[in-house]
Amino acid sequence: MEKMEVECCDSIHYHTQTIHKVEEHMPKEQTLNELADLFKIFGDATRIKMLYVLLQSEMCVCDLAEMLGMTQSAISHQLRVLKQMKLVKNRREGKTVFYSLADGHIQTILNQGMEHILE
């Protein structure tokens, strides 16, 4: 990555009207913290791989473990994290539990992230 220099103002002055306008639309601190926690989940390559697999098809823990070359225990741990953040859901069919993306928002986040890095 190329190092970029950030330019700063030559003197300190505030644009009070702009500041107040933006403050009116800022989410609450707790909401911003929850958003930061959501994006932390996307900061792990293993979880991204799992989400991309589930973007293609629902899968059980055994299939995910085989596909990603991981133990079922490791997959289960990551699925627990993803489920707590409401990124995946599961359904039971007999003795098998299948996992899939929780909703279309996750696909949008992944697609827009990929689009951004491929620009």
C-alpha atoms as a PDB file:
ATOM      1  CA  MET A   1       0.000   0.000   0.000  1.00  0.00           C
ATOM      2  CA  GLU A   2       1.308   3.414  -0.905  1.00  0.00           C
ATOM      3  CA  LYS A   3       1.851   5.880   1.937  1.00  0.00           C
ATOM      4  CA  MET A   4      -0.432   8.889   1.600  1.00  0.00           C
ATOM      5  CA  GLU A   5       0.123  12.202   3.290  1.00  0.00           C
ATOM      6  CA  VAL A   6      -2.877  13.853   4.898  1.00  0.00           C
ATOM      7  CA  GLU A   7      -3.174  17.582   4.417  1.00  0.00           C
ATOM      8  CA  CYS A   8      -4.373  19.794   7.287  1.00  0.00           C
ATOM      9  CA  CYS A   9      -5.789  23.279   7.540  1.00  0.00           C
ATOM     10  CA  ASP A  10      -3.213  26.071   7.833  1.00  0.00           C
ATOM     11  CA  SER A  11      -5.158  27.704  10.670  1.00  0.00           C
ATOM     12  CA  ILE A  12      -7.632  26.486  13.274  1.00  0.00           C
ATOM     13  CA  HIS A  13     -11.189  27.639  12.645  1.00  0.00           C
ATOM     14  CA  TYR A  14     -14.564  25.913  13.037  1.00  0.00           C
ATOM     15  CA  HIS A  15     -17.544  25.763  10.716  1.00  0.00           C
ATOM     16  CA  THR A  16     -20.122  25.776  13.514  1.00  0.00           C
ATOM     17  CA  GLN A  17     -23.167  25.490  11.253  1.00  0.00           C
ATOM     18  CA  THR A  18     -21.764  22.384   9.571  1.00  0.00           C
ATOM     19  CA  ILE A  19     -20.804  20.833  12.913  1.00  0.00           C
ATOM     20  CA  HIS A  20     -24.323  21.334  14.334  1.00  0.00           C
ATOM     21  CA  LYS A  21     -25.957  19.977  11.177  1.00  0.00           C
ATOM     22  CA  VAL A  22     -23.868  16.790  11.363  1.00  0.00           C
ATOM     23  CA  GLU A  23     -24.414  16.402  15.131  1.00  0.00           C
ATOM     24  CA  GLU A  24     -28.188  16.298  14.529  1.00  0.00           C
ATOM     25  CA  HIS A  25     -27.790  13.199  12.344  1.00  0.00           C
ATOM     26  CA  MET A  26     -25.177  11.299  14.334  1.00  0.00           C
ATOM     27  CA  PRO A  27     -26.381   7.986  15.785  1.00  0.00           C
ATOM     28  CA  LYS A  28     -26.155   7.401  19.536  1.00  0.00           C
ATOM     29  CA  GLU A  29     -22.816   6.218  20.935  1.00  0.00           C
ATOM     30  CA  GLN A  30     -24.226   2.759  21.734  1.00  0.00           C
ATOM     31  CA  THR A  31     -25.454   2.350  18.156  1.00  0.00           C
ATOM     32  CA  LEU A  32     -22.028   3.296  16.786  1.00  0.00           C
ATOM     33  CA  ASN A  33     -20.391   0.792  19.173  1.00  0.00           C
ATOM     34  CA  GLU A  34     -22.738  -1.949  17.949  1.00  0.00           C
ATOM     35  CA  LEU A  35     -21.847  -1.082  14.356  1.00  0.00           C
ATOM     36  CA  ALA A  36     -18.135  -1.254  15.208  1.00  0.00           C
ATOM     37  CA  ASP A  37     -18.695  -4.684  16.791  1.00  0.00           C
ATOM     38  CA  LEU A  38     -20.439  -5.853  13.617  1.00  0.00           C
ATOM     39  CA  PHE A  39     -17.503  -4.763  11.474  1.00  0.00           C
ATOM     40  CA  LYS A  40     -15.055  -6.488  13.851  1.00  0.00           C
ATOM     41  CA  ILE A  41     -16.735  -9.760  12.898  1.00  0.00           C
ATOM     42  CA  PHE A  42     -15.843  -9.059   9.261  1.00  0.00           C
ATOM     43  CA  GLY A  43     -12.207  -8.489  10.309  1.00  0.00           C
ATOM     44  CA  ASP A  44     -11.471 -12.217  10.494  1.00  0.00           C
ATOM     45  CA  ALA A  45     -10.526 -14.067   7.275  1.00  0.00           C
ATOM     46  CA  THR A  46     -11.940 -17.386   8.517  1.00  0.00           C
ATOM     47  CA  ARG A  47     -15.344 -15.861   9.182  1.00  0.00           C
ATOM     48  CA  ILE A  48     -15.271 -14.124   5.791  1.00  0.00           C
ATOM     49  CA  LYS A  49     -14.560 -17.486   4.113  1.00  0.00           C
ATOM     50  CA  MET A  50     -17.435 -19.070   6.008  1.00  0.00           C
ATOM     51  CA  LEU A  51     -19.807 -16.279   5.008  1.00  0.00           C
ATOM     52  CA  TYR A  52     -18.733 -16.592   1.360  1.00  0.00           C
ATOM     53  CA  VAL A  53     -19.355 -20.350   1.455  1.00  0.00           C
ATOM     54  CA  LEU A  54     -22.791 -19.766   2.976  1.00  0.00           C
ATOM     55  CA  LEU A  55     -23.454 -17.117   0.340  1.00  0.00           C
ATOM     56  CA  GLN A  56     -23.301 -19.951  -2.211  1.00  0.00           C
ATOM     57  CA  SER A  57     -25.209 -22.618  -0.307  1.00  0.00           C
ATOM     58  CA  GLU A  58     -26.437 -23.573   3.135  1.00  0.00           C
ATOM     59  CA  MET A  59     -24.180 -26.172   4.731  1.00  0.00           C
ATOM     60  CA  CYS A  60     -23.854 -28.262   7.834  1.00  0.00           C
ATOM     61  CA  VAL A  61     -20.860 -28.028  10.183  1.00  0.00           C
ATOM     62  CA  CYS A  62     -19.340 -31.211   8.689  1.00  0.00           C
ATOM     63  CA  ASP A  63     -19.430 -29.774   5.157  1.00  0.00           C
ATOM     64  CA  LEU A  64     -18.019 -26.426   6.275  1.00  0.00           C
ATOM     65  CA  ALA A  65     -15.188 -28.167   8.140  1.00  0.00           C
ATOM     66  CA  GLU A  66     -14.332 -30.309   5.112  1.00  0.00           C
ATOM     67  CA  MET A  67     -14.482 -27.404   2.677  1.00  0.00           C
ATOM     68  CA  LEU A  68     -12.374 -25.046   4.802  1.00  0.00           C
ATOM     69  CA  GLY A  69      -9.930 -27.667   6.141  1.00  0.00           C
ATOM     70  CA  MET A  70     -10.854 -26.969   9.756  1.00  0.00           C
ATOM     71  CA  THR A  71     -12.109 -29.000  12.680  1.00  0.00           C
ATOM     72  CA  GLN A  72     -15.815 -29.160  13.415  1.00  0.00           C
ATOM     73  CA  SER A  73     -15.041 -27.623  16.805  1.00  0.00           C
ATOM     74  CA  ALA A  74     -13.372 -24.588  15.192  1.00  0.00           C
ATOM     75  CA  ILE A  75     -16.253 -24.214  12.736  1.00  0.00           C
ATOM     76  CA  SER A  76     -18.803 -24.450  15.564  1.00  0.00           C
ATOM     77  CA  HIS A  77     -16.975 -21.759  17.521  1.00  0.00           C
ATOM     78  CA  GLN A  78     -17.010 -19.362  14.553  1.00  0.00           C
ATOM     79  CA  LEU A  79     -20.652 -20.156  13.774  1.00  0.00           C
ATOM     80  CA  ARG A  80     -21.551 -19.318  17.373  1.00  0.00           C
ATOM     81  CA  VAL A  81     -19.924 -15.883  16.948  1.00  0.00           C
ATOM     82  CA  LEU A  82     -21.674 -15.329  13.611  1.00  0.00           C
ATOM     83  CA  LYS A  83     -25.009 -16.416  15.048  1.00  0.00           C
ATOM     84  CA  GLN A  84     -24.661 -14.108  18.084  1.00  0.00           C
ATOM     85  CA  MET A  85     -24.203 -11.198  15.686  1.00  0.00           C
ATOM     86  CA  LYS A  86     -27.265 -12.363  13.676  1.00  0.00           C
ATOM     87  CA  LEU A  87     -25.206 -12.999  10.533  1.00  0.00           C
ATOM     88  CA  VAL A  88     -26.150 -16.672  10.181  1.00  0.00           C
ATOM     89  CA  LYS A  89     -29.194 -18.751  11.027  1.00  0.00           C
ATOM     90  CA  ASN A  90     -29.715 -22.479  11.251  1.00  0.00           C
ATOM     91  CA  ARG A  91     -32.384 -25.083  10.633  1.00  0.00           C
ATOM     92  CA  ARG A  92     -32.542 -28.706  11.726  1.00  0.00           C
ATOM     93  CA  GLU A  93     -33.318 -31.553   9.363  1.00  0.00           C
ATOM     94  CA  GLY A  94     -33.322 -34.810  11.314  1.00  0.00           C
ATOM     95  CA  LYS A  95     -29.917 -35.112  12.960  1.00  0.00           C
ATOM     96  CA  THR A  96     -28.318 -32.497  10.703  1.00  0.00           C
ATOM     97  CA  VAL A  97     -28.196 -28.747  11.363  1.00  0.00           C
ATOM     98  CA  PHE A  98     -27.810 -26.562   8.291  1.00  0.00           C
ATOM     99  CA  TYR A  99     -26.470 -23.001   8.437  1.00  0.00           C
ATOM    100  CA  SER A 100     -27.169 -20.162   6.017  1.00  0.00           C
ATOM    101  CA  LEU A 101     -26.831 -16.387   5.871  1.00  0.00           C
ATOM    102  CA  ALA A 102     -29.360 -14.693   8.131  1.00  0.00           C
ATOM    103  CA  ASP A 103     -30.620 -12.242   5.492  1.00  0.00           C
ATOM    104  CA  GLY A 104     -29.807 -10.318   2.324  1.00  0.00           C
ATOM    105  CA  HIS A 105     -27.942  -7.595   4.209  1.00  0.00           C
ATOM    106  CA  ILE A 106     -24.942  -9.879   4.702  1.00  0.00           C
ATOM    107  CA  GLN A 107     -24.728 -10.553   0.967  1.00  0.00           C
ATOM    108  CA  THR A 108     -24.873  -6.798   0.314  1.00  0.00           C
ATOM    109  CA  ILE A 109     -22.092  -6.102   2.834  1.00  0.00           C
ATOM    110  CA  LEU A 110     -19.866  -8.794   1.299  1.00  0.00           C
ATOM    111  CA  ASN A 111     -20.573  -7.680  -2.273  1.00  0.00           C
ATOM    112  CA  GLN A 112     -19.953  -4.010  -1.540  1.00  0.00           C
ATOM    113  CA  GLY A 113     -16.763  -4.794   0.385  1.00  0.00           C
ATOM    114  CA  MET A 114     -15.480  -6.900  -2.521  1.00  0.00           C
ATOM    115  CA  GLU A 115     -16.437  -4.202  -5.027  1.00  0.00           C
ATOM    116  CA  HIS A 116     -14.540  -1.633  -2.959  1.00  0.00           C
ATOM    117  CA  ILE A 117     -11.291  -3.595  -2.759  1.00  0.00           C
ATOM    118  CA  LEU A 118     -11.382  -4.555  -6.451  1.00  0.00           C
ATOM    119  CA  GLU A 119     -11.692  -0.918  -7.633  1.00  0.00           C
END
